[in-house]
PDB file of N, CA and C in Angstrom:
ATOM      1  N   MET A   1      22.384   1.262 -18.691  1.00  0.00           N
ATOM      2  CA  MET A   1      20.932   1.204 -18.618  1.00  0.00           C
ATOM      3  C   MET A   1      20.425   0.456 -19.850  1.00  0.00           C
ATOM      4  N   PRO A   2      19.587  -0.553 -19.654  1.00  0.00           N
ATOM      5  CA  PRO A   2      19.090  -1.319 -20.797  1.00  0.00           C
ATOM      6  C   PRO A   2      18.166  -0.486 -21.683  1.00  0.00           C
ATOM      7  N   VAL A   3      18.189  -0.813 -22.944  1.00  0.00           N
ATOM      8  CA  VAL A   3      17.346  -0.132 -23.919  1.00  0.00           C
ATOM      9  C   VAL A   3      15.908  -0.626 -23.741  1.00  0.00           C
ATOM     10  N   PRO A   4      14.919   0.284 -23.622  1.00  0.00           N
ATOM     11  CA  PRO A   4      13.526  -0.148 -23.434  1.00  0.00           C
ATOM     12  C   PRO A   4      12.945  -0.752 -24.710  1.00  0.00           C
ATOM     13  N   THR A   5      12.901  -2.051 -24.757  1.00  0.00           N
ATOM     14  CA  THR A   5      12.311  -2.746 -25.892  1.00  0.00           C
ATOM     15  C   THR A   5      10.800  -2.809 -25.712  1.00  0.00           C
ATOM     16  N   PRO A   6      10.056  -3.071 -26.770  1.00  0.00           N
ATOM     17  CA  PRO A   6       8.603  -3.179 -26.630  1.00  0.00           C
ATOM     18  C   PRO A   6       8.178  -4.224 -25.594  1.00  0.00           C
ATOM     19  N   LYS A   7       8.911  -5.321 -25.515  1.00  0.00           N
ATOM     20  CA  LYS A   7       8.583  -6.366 -24.540  1.00  0.00           C
ATOM     21  C   LYS A   7       8.759  -5.850 -23.114  1.00  0.00           C
ATOM     22  N   ARG A   8       9.856  -5.144 -22.861  1.00  0.00           N
ATOM     23  CA  ARG A   8      10.085  -4.583 -21.523  1.00  0.00           C
ATOM     24  C   ARG A   8       9.049  -3.518 -21.185  1.00  0.00           C
ATOM     25  N   LEU A   9       8.691  -2.695 -22.159  1.00  0.00           N
ATOM     26  CA  LEU A   9       7.688  -1.661 -21.922  1.00  0.00           C
ATOM     27  C   LEU A   9       6.325  -2.274 -21.585  1.00  0.00           C
ATOM     28  N   ARG A  10       5.947  -3.338 -22.311  1.00  0.00           N
ATOM     29  CA  ARG A  10       4.679  -4.017 -22.014  1.00  0.00           C
ATOM     30  C   ARG A  10       4.706  -4.638 -20.624  1.00  0.00           C
ATOM     31  N   SER A  11       5.829  -5.235 -20.268  1.00  0.00           N
ATOM     32  CA  SER A  11       5.977  -5.856 -18.947  1.00  0.00           C
ATOM     33  C   SER A  11       5.850  -4.805 -17.846  1.00  0.00           C
ATOM     34  N   ARG A  12       6.510  -3.675 -18.037  1.00  0.00           N
ATOM     35  CA  ARG A  12       6.443  -2.588 -17.055  1.00  0.00           C
ATOM     36  C   ARG A  12       5.014  -2.041 -16.953  1.00  0.00           C
ATOM     37  N   ALA A  13       4.336  -1.916 -18.071  1.00  0.00           N
ATOM     38  CA  ALA A  13       2.960  -1.415 -18.074  1.00  0.00           C
ATOM     39  C   ALA A  13       2.019  -2.394 -17.368  1.00  0.00           C
ATOM     40  N   ARG A  14       2.204  -3.696 -17.603  1.00  0.00           N
ATOM     41  CA  ARG A  14       1.363  -4.694 -16.923  1.00  0.00           C
ATOM     42  C   ARG A  14       1.581  -4.656 -15.420  1.00  0.00           C
ATOM     43  N   ARG A  15       2.833  -4.504 -14.999  1.00  0.00           N
ATOM     44  CA  ARG A  15       3.148  -4.441 -13.567  1.00  0.00           C
ATOM     45  C   ARG A  15       2.495  -3.210 -12.939  1.00  0.00           C
ATOM     46  N   LEU A  16       2.557  -2.083 -13.616  1.00  0.00           N
ATOM     47  CA  LEU A  16       1.935  -0.859 -13.120  1.00  0.00           C
ATOM     48  C   LEU A  16       0.415  -1.009 -13.067  1.00  0.00           C
ATOM     49  N   ASP A  17      -0.184  -1.596 -14.098  1.00  0.00           N
ATOM     50  CA  ASP A  17      -1.629  -1.827 -14.102  1.00  0.00           C
ATOM     51  C   ASP A  17      -2.041  -2.715 -12.929  1.00  0.00           C
ATOM     52  N   ARG A  18      -1.266  -3.754 -12.657  1.00  0.00           N
ATOM     53  CA  ARG A  18      -1.574  -4.659 -11.552  1.00  0.00           C
ATOM     54  C   ARG A  18      -1.500  -3.921 -10.217  1.00  0.00           C
ATOM     55  N   ARG A  19      -0.495  -3.077 -10.049  1.00  0.00           N
ATOM     56  CA  ARG A  19      -0.379  -2.312  -8.796  1.00  0.00           C
ATOM     57  C   ARG A  19      -1.556  -1.360  -8.624  1.00  0.00           C
ATOM     58  N   ILE A  20      -1.959  -0.703  -9.703  1.00  0.00           N
ATOM     59  CA  ILE A  20      -3.090   0.223  -9.633  1.00  0.00           C
ATOM     60  C   ILE A  20      -4.373  -0.530  -9.278  1.00  0.00           C
ATOM     61  N   ARG A  21      -4.597  -1.677  -9.919  1.00  0.00           N
ATOM     62  CA  ARG A  21      -5.793  -2.490  -9.601  1.00  0.00           C
ATOM     63  C   ARG A  21      -5.770  -2.950  -8.147  1.00  0.00           C
ATOM     64  N   ASN A  22      -4.614  -3.400  -7.689  1.00  0.00           N
ATOM     65  CA  ASN A  22      -4.501  -3.854  -6.300  1.00  0.00           C
ATOM     66  C   ASN A  22      -4.719  -2.703  -5.328  1.00  0.00           C
ATOM     67  N   ALA A  23      -4.205  -1.526  -5.658  1.00  0.00           N
ATOM     68  CA  ALA A  23      -4.401  -0.362  -4.792  1.00  0.00           C
ATOM     69  C   ALA A  23      -5.882   0.003  -4.715  1.00  0.00           C
ATOM     70  N   GLU A  24      -6.582  -0.063  -5.837  1.00  0.00           N
ATOM     71  CA  GLU A  24      -8.024   0.228  -5.833  1.00  0.00           C
ATOM     72  C   GLU A  24      -8.790  -0.801  -5.004  1.00  0.00           C
ATOM     73  N   THR A  25      -8.373  -2.069  -5.059  1.00  0.00           N
ATOM     74  CA  THR A  25      -9.006  -3.112  -4.259  1.00  0.00           C
ATOM     75  C   THR A  25      -8.806  -2.836  -2.772  1.00  0.00           C
ATOM     76  N   VAL A  26      -7.607  -2.420  -2.403  1.00  0.00           N
ATOM     77  CA  VAL A  26      -7.309  -2.115  -1.001  1.00  0.00           C
ATOM     78  C   VAL A  26      -8.138  -0.920  -0.534  1.00  0.00           C
ATOM     79  N   VAL A  27      -8.210   0.126  -1.348  1.00  0.00           N
ATOM     80  CA  VAL A  27      -8.986   1.315  -0.968  1.00  0.00           C
ATOM     81  C   VAL A  27     -10.466   0.961  -0.830  1.00  0.00           C
ATOM     82  N   THR A  28     -10.978   0.118  -1.706  1.00  0.00           N
ATOM     83  CA  THR A  28     -12.373  -0.316  -1.599  1.00  0.00           C
ATOM     84  C   THR A  28     -12.599  -1.061  -0.291  1.00  0.00           C
ATOM     85  N   ALA A  29     -11.689  -1.935   0.075  1.00  0.00           N
ATOM     86  CA  ALA A  29     -11.809  -2.653   1.345  1.00  0.00           C
ATOM     87  C   ALA A  29     -11.751  -1.684   2.524  1.00  0.00           C
ATOM     88  N   MET A  30     -10.917  -0.659   2.405  1.00  0.00           N
ATOM     89  CA  MET A  30     -10.818   0.324   3.483  1.00  0.00           C
ATOM     90  C   MET A  30     -12.070   1.182   3.565  1.00  0.00           C
ATOM     91  N   LYS A  31     -12.699   1.465   2.425  1.00  0.00           N
ATOM     92  CA  LYS A  31     -13.968   2.200   2.449  1.00  0.00           C
ATOM     93  C   LYS A  31     -15.029   1.419   3.204  1.00  0.00           C
ATOM     94  N   ARG A  32     -14.944   0.096   3.122  1.00  0.00           N
ATOM     95  CA  ARG A  32     -15.917  -0.774   3.795  1.00  0.00           C
ATOM     96  C   ARG A  32     -15.573  -1.012   5.260  1.00  0.00           C
ATOM     97  N   GLY A  33     -14.488  -0.406   5.753  1.00  0.00           N
ATOM     98  CA  GLY A  33     -14.188  -0.487   7.172  1.00  0.00           C
ATOM     99  C   GLY A  33     -12.882  -1.155   7.545  1.00  0.00           C
ATOM    100  N   ALA A  34     -12.184  -1.742   6.610  1.00  0.00           N
ATOM    101  CA  ALA A  34     -10.913  -2.394   6.932  1.00  0.00           C
ATOM    102  C   ALA A  34      -9.845  -1.337   7.213  1.00  0.00           C
ATOM    103  N   ALA A  35      -8.903  -1.682   8.050  1.00  0.00           N
ATOM    104  CA  ALA A  35      -7.777  -0.801   8.345  1.00  0.00           C
ATOM    105  C   ALA A  35      -6.510  -1.439   7.799  1.00  0.00           C
ATOM    106  N   LEU A  36      -5.553  -0.601   7.449  1.00  0.00           N
ATOM    107  CA  LEU A  36      -4.266  -1.068   6.951  1.00  0.00           C
ATOM    108  C   LEU A  36      -3.261  -0.953   8.095  1.00  0.00           C
ATOM    109  N   HIS A  37      -2.616  -2.072   8.425  1.00  0.00           N
ATOM    110  CA  HIS A  37      -1.648  -2.104   9.523  1.00  0.00           C
ATOM    111  C   HIS A  37      -0.247  -2.297   8.970  1.00  0.00           C
ATOM    112  N   LEU A  38       0.699  -1.627   9.611  1.00  0.00           N
ATOM    113  CA  LEU A  38       2.107  -1.748   9.259  1.00  0.00           C
ATOM    114  C   LEU A  38       2.840  -2.352  10.439  1.00  0.00           C
ATOM    115  N   GLU A  39       3.628  -3.371  10.158  1.00  0.00           N
ATOM    116  CA  GLU A  39       4.523  -3.910  11.175  1.00  0.00           C
ATOM    117  C   GLU A  39       5.843  -4.244  10.497  1.00  0.00           C
ATOM    118  N   TYR A  40       6.865  -4.399  11.294  1.00  0.00           N
ATOM    119  CA  TYR A  40       8.181  -4.725  10.757  1.00  0.00           C
ATOM    120  C   TYR A  40       8.564  -6.136  11.199  1.00  0.00           C
ATOM    121  N   VAL A  41       8.895  -6.974  10.226  1.00  0.00           N
ATOM    122  CA  VAL A  41       9.325  -8.338  10.493  1.00  0.00           C
ATOM    123  C   VAL A  41      10.750  -8.472   9.971  1.00  0.00           C
ATOM    124  N   PHE A  42      11.678  -8.722  10.865  1.00  0.00           N
ATOM    125  CA  PHE A  42      13.098  -8.813  10.524  1.00  0.00           C
ATOM    126  C   PHE A  42      13.564  -7.567   9.770  1.00  0.00           C
ATOM    127  N   GLY A  43      13.055  -6.414  10.166  1.00  0.00           N
ATOM    128  CA  GLY A  43      13.473  -5.154   9.580  1.00  0.00           C
ATOM    129  C   GLY A  43      12.785  -4.771   8.287  1.00  0.00           C
ATOM    130  N   SER A  44      11.910  -5.620   7.788  1.00  0.00           N
ATOM    131  CA  SER A  44      11.194  -5.323   6.546  1.00  0.00           C
ATOM    132  C   SER A  44       9.750  -4.947   6.848  1.00  0.00           C
ATOM    133  N   PRO A  45       9.209  -3.937   6.149  1.00  0.00           N
ATOM    134  CA  PRO A  45       7.816  -3.565   6.400  1.00  0.00           C
ATOM    135  C   PRO A  45       6.852  -4.613   5.858  1.00  0.00           C
ATOM    136  N   VAL A  46       5.826  -4.920   6.642  1.00  0.00           N
ATOM    137  CA  VAL A  46       4.766  -5.846   6.239  1.00  0.00           C
ATOM    138  C   VAL A  46       3.448  -5.111   6.438  1.00  0.00           C
ATOM    139  N   PHE A  47       2.690  -4.978   5.363  1.00  0.00           N
ATOM    140  CA  PHE A  47       1.397  -4.313   5.410  1.00  0.00           C
ATOM    141  C   PHE A  47       0.307  -5.365   5.336  1.00  0.00           C
ATOM    142  N   MET A  48      -0.699  -5.249   6.211  1.00  0.00           N
ATOM    143  CA  MET A  48      -1.819  -6.188   6.214  1.00  0.00           C
ATOM    144  C   MET A  48      -3.114  -5.428   6.459  1.00  0.00           C
ATOM    145  N   LEU A  49      -4.166  -5.887   5.810  1.00  0.00           N
ATOM    146  CA  LEU A  49      -5.496  -5.378   6.107  1.00  0.00           C
ATOM    147  C   LEU A  49      -6.037  -6.131   7.315  1.00  0.00           C
ATOM    148  N   THR A  50      -7.025  -5.565   7.973  1.00  0.00           N
ATOM    149  CA  THR A  50      -7.587  -6.223   9.147  1.00  0.00           C
ATOM    150  C   THR A  50      -8.285  -7.527   8.809  1.00  0.00           C
ATOM    151  N   ASP A  51      -8.618  -7.746   7.548  1.00  0.00           N
ATOM    152  CA  ASP A  51      -9.229  -9.024   7.170  1.00  0.00           C
ATOM    153  C   ASP A  51      -8.187 -10.111   6.911  1.00  0.00           C
ATOM    154  N   GLY A  52      -6.900  -9.804   7.112  1.00  0.00           N
ATOM    155  CA  GLY A  52      -5.849 -10.796   6.994  1.00  0.00           C
ATOM    156  C   GLY A  52      -5.090 -10.801   5.686  1.00  0.00           C
ATOM    157  N   ARG A  53      -5.523 -10.003   4.720  1.00  0.00           N
ATOM    158  CA  ARG A  53      -4.823  -9.961   3.432  1.00  0.00           C
ATOM    159  C   ARG A  53      -3.509  -9.211   3.562  1.00  0.00           C
ATOM    160  N   ARG A  54      -2.461  -9.796   3.019  1.00  0.00           N
ATOM    161  CA  ARG A  54      -1.156  -9.154   2.991  1.00  0.00           C
ATOM    162  C   ARG A  54      -1.055  -8.263   1.754  1.00  0.00           C
ATOM    163  N   ILE A  55      -0.493  -7.084   1.902  1.00  0.00           N
ATOM    164  CA  ILE A  55      -0.410  -6.101   0.830  1.00  0.00           C
ATOM    165  C   ILE A  55       1.062  -5.870   0.490  1.00  0.00           C
ATOM    166  N   GLU A  56       1.385  -5.858  -0.791  1.00  0.00           N
ATOM    167  CA  GLU A  56       2.755  -5.584  -1.226  1.00  0.00           C
ATOM    168  C   GLU A  56       3.144  -4.164  -0.802  1.00  0.00           C
ATOM    169  N   PRO A  57       4.400  -3.955  -0.398  1.00  0.00           N
ATOM    170  CA  PRO A  57       4.828  -2.604   0.000  1.00  0.00           C
ATOM    171  C   PRO A  57       4.621  -1.552  -1.092  1.00  0.00           C
ATOM    172  N   ALA A  58       4.839  -1.893  -2.359  1.00  0.00           N
ATOM    173  CA  ALA A  58       4.643  -0.919  -3.441  1.00  0.00           C
ATOM    174  C   ALA A  58       3.180  -0.517  -3.562  1.00  0.00           C
ATOM    175  N   VAL A  59       2.273  -1.472  -3.374  1.00  0.00           N
ATOM    176  CA  VAL A  59       0.835  -1.184  -3.427  1.00  0.00           C
ATOM    177  C   VAL A  59       0.447  -0.348  -2.209  1.00  0.00           C
ATOM    178  N   ALA A  60       0.972  -0.710  -1.037  1.00  0.00           N
ATOM    179  CA  ALA A  60       0.661   0.044   0.180  1.00  0.00           C
ATOM    180  C   ALA A  60       1.140   1.488   0.070  1.00  0.00           C
ATOM    181  N   LYS A  61       2.291   1.703  -0.521  1.00  0.00           N
ATOM    182  CA  LYS A  61       2.791   3.071  -0.685  1.00  0.00           C
ATOM    183  C   LYS A  61       1.881   3.877  -1.598  1.00  0.00           C
ATOM    184  N   ALA A  62       1.342   3.248  -2.627  1.00  0.00           N
ATOM    185  CA  ALA A  62       0.408   3.937  -3.515  1.00  0.00           C
ATOM    186  C   ALA A  62      -0.889   4.272  -2.779  1.00  0.00           C
ATOM    187  N   VAL A  63      -1.335   3.376  -1.911  1.00  0.00           N
ATOM    188  CA  VAL A  63      -2.557   3.617  -1.135  1.00  0.00           C
ATOM    189  C   VAL A  63      -2.326   4.727  -0.120  1.00  0.00           C
ATOM    190  N   ILE A  64      -1.209   4.684   0.576  1.00  0.00           N
ATOM    191  CA  ILE A  64      -0.905   5.680   1.618  1.00  0.00           C
ATOM    192  C   ILE A  64      -0.768   7.073   1.026  1.00  0.00           C
ATOM    193  N   ALA A  65      -0.346   7.178  -0.211  1.00  0.00           N
ATOM    194  CA  ALA A  65      -0.154   8.482  -0.851  1.00  0.00           C
ATOM    195  C   ALA A  65      -1.473   9.195  -1.129  1.00  0.00           C
ATOM    196  N   ARG A  66      -2.588   8.464  -1.082  1.00  0.00           N
ATOM    197  CA  ARG A  66      -3.892   9.085  -1.358  1.00  0.00           C
ATOM    198  C   ARG A  66      -4.297   9.983  -0.191  1.00  0.00           C
ATOM    199  N   PRO A  67      -4.907  11.134  -0.477  1.00  0.00           N
ATOM    200  CA  PRO A  67      -5.239  12.081   0.595  1.00  0.00           C
ATOM    201  C   PRO A  67      -6.331  11.593   1.540  1.00  0.00           C
ATOM    202  N   GLU A  68      -7.185  10.662   1.108  1.00  0.00           N
ATOM    203  CA  GLU A  68      -8.255  10.205   1.986  1.00  0.00           C
ATOM    204  C   GLU A  68      -7.818   9.093   2.942  1.00  0.00           C
ATOM    205  N   ILE A  69      -6.592   8.646   2.830  1.00  0.00           N
ATOM    206  CA  ILE A  69      -6.056   7.638   3.738  1.00  0.00           C
ATOM    207  C   ILE A  69      -5.268   8.372   4.816  1.00  0.00           C
ATOM    208  N   ILE A  70      -5.692   8.205   6.074  1.00  0.00           N
ATOM    209  CA  ILE A  70      -5.061   8.939   7.171  1.00  0.00           C
ATOM    210  C   ILE A  70      -4.540   7.970   8.228  1.00  0.00           C
ATOM    211  N   GLY A  71      -3.534   8.411   8.929  1.00  0.00           N
ATOM    212  CA  GLY A  71      -2.983   7.631  10.019  1.00  0.00           C
ATOM    213  C   GLY A  71      -3.788   7.858  11.288  1.00  0.00           C
ATOM    214  N   VAL A  72      -4.050   6.792  12.010  1.00  0.00           N
ATOM    215  CA  VAL A  72      -4.750   6.890  13.292  1.00  0.00           C
ATOM    216  C   VAL A  72      -3.872   6.251  14.347  1.00  0.00           C
ATOM    217  N   GLY A  73      -3.986   6.737  15.553  1.00  0.00           N
ATOM    218  CA  GLY A  73      -3.158   6.185  16.615  1.00  0.00           C
ATOM    219  C   GLY A  73      -1.773   6.794  16.584  1.00  0.00           C
ATOM    220  N   ALA A  74      -0.877   6.148  17.288  1.00  0.00           N
ATOM    221  CA  ALA A  74       0.479   6.669  17.431  1.00  0.00           C
ATOM    222  C   ALA A  74       1.462   5.843  16.622  1.00  0.00           C
ATOM    223  N   ALA A  75       2.597   6.448  16.381  1.00  0.00           N
ATOM    224  CA  ALA A  75       3.694   5.739  15.721  1.00  0.00           C
ATOM    225  C   ALA A  75       4.638   5.222  16.801  1.00  0.00           C
ATOM    226  N   LEU A  76       5.464   4.293  16.426  1.00  0.00           N
ATOM    227  CA  LEU A  76       6.408   3.721  17.380  1.00  0.00           C
ATOM    228  C   LEU A  76       7.406   4.761  17.862  1.00  0.00           C
ATOM    229  N   PHE A  77       7.922   5.572  16.934  1.00  0.00           N
ATOM    230  CA  PHE A  77       8.848   6.646  17.266  1.00  0.00           C
ATOM    231  C   PHE A  77       8.353   7.931  16.634  1.00  0.00           C
ATOM    232  N   GLN A  78       8.717   9.064  17.234  1.00  0.00           N
ATOM    233  CA  GLN A  78       8.295  10.345  16.706  1.00  0.00           C
ATOM    234  C   GLN A  78       8.883  10.566  15.315  1.00  0.00           C
ATOM    235  N   GLY A  79       8.073  11.106  14.405  1.00  0.00           N
ATOM    236  CA  GLY A  79       8.508  11.376  13.049  1.00  0.00           C
ATOM    237  C   GLY A  79       8.333  10.204  12.104  1.00  0.00           C
ATOM    238  N   MET A  80       7.846   9.084  12.611  1.00  0.00           N
ATOM    239  CA  MET A  80       7.620   7.909  11.769  1.00  0.00           C
ATOM    240  C   MET A  80       6.161   7.844  11.348  1.00  0.00           C
ATOM    241  N   ARG A  81       5.886   7.020  10.360  1.00  0.00           N
ATOM    242  CA  ARG A  81       4.534   6.789   9.864  1.00  0.00           C
ATOM    243  C   ARG A  81       3.719   6.048  10.938  1.00  0.00           C
ATOM    244  N   PRO A  82       2.440   6.401  11.108  1.00  0.00           N
ATOM    245  CA  PRO A  82       1.603   5.658  12.063  1.00  0.00           C
ATOM    246  C   PRO A  82       1.478   4.191  11.649  1.00  0.00           C
ATOM    247  N   GLN A  83       1.246   3.338  12.626  1.00  0.00           N
ATOM    248  CA  GLN A  83       1.162   1.898  12.390  1.00  0.00           C
ATOM    249  C   GLN A  83      -0.187   1.480  11.802  1.00  0.00           C
ATOM    250  N   THR A  84      -1.226   2.295  11.999  1.00  0.00           N
ATOM    251  CA  THR A  84      -2.566   1.973  11.520  1.00  0.00           C
ATOM    252  C   THR A  84      -3.077   3.101  10.647  1.00  0.00           C
ATOM    253  N   LEU A  85      -3.635   2.732   9.500  1.00  0.00           N
ATOM    254  CA  LEU A  85      -4.175   3.721   8.569  1.00  0.00           C
ATOM    255  C   LEU A  85      -5.626   3.361   8.241  1.00  0.00           C
ATOM    256  N   ARG A  86      -6.471   4.370   8.081  1.00  0.00           N
ATOM    257  CA  ARG A  86      -7.878   4.173   7.777  1.00  0.00           C
ATOM    258  C   ARG A  86      -8.314   5.114   6.664  1.00  0.00           C
ATOM    259  N   TYR A  87      -9.474   4.794   6.099  1.00  0.00           N
ATOM    260  CA  TYR A  87     -10.089   5.608   5.065  1.00  0.00           C
ATOM    261  C   TYR A  87     -10.921   6.680   5.749  1.00  0.00           C
ATOM    262  N   ALA A  88     -10.725   7.930   5.388  1.00  0.00           N
ATOM    263  CA  ALA A  88     -11.506   9.041   5.944  1.00  0.00           C
ATOM    264  C   ALA A  88     -12.416   9.576   4.855  1.00  0.00           C
ATOM    265  N   SER A  89     -13.711   9.463   5.081  1.00  0.00           N
ATOM    266  CA  SER A  89     -14.661   9.934   4.057  1.00  0.00           C
ATOM    267  C   SER A  89     -14.860  11.426   4.143  1.00  0.00           C
TER     268      SER A  89
END
């Protein structure tokens, strides 16, 4: 395991800050009515807002973890995450 140098710590902190900012942007868009869609392309998850913006999987996972984001509709298979998520006020 590499030793956490100040440069690596700053880099990790910037990456985390960027994910948090992006997650807040996504939640704001969802508050305004956008939905978050999940689809699989070549076996990889792809998250998109209804306005066409693509969302990084790490950012989408942070958004989905929030209690006000709920799944609507059905999932492809039982026990899986729903394909569409919305903001519940």
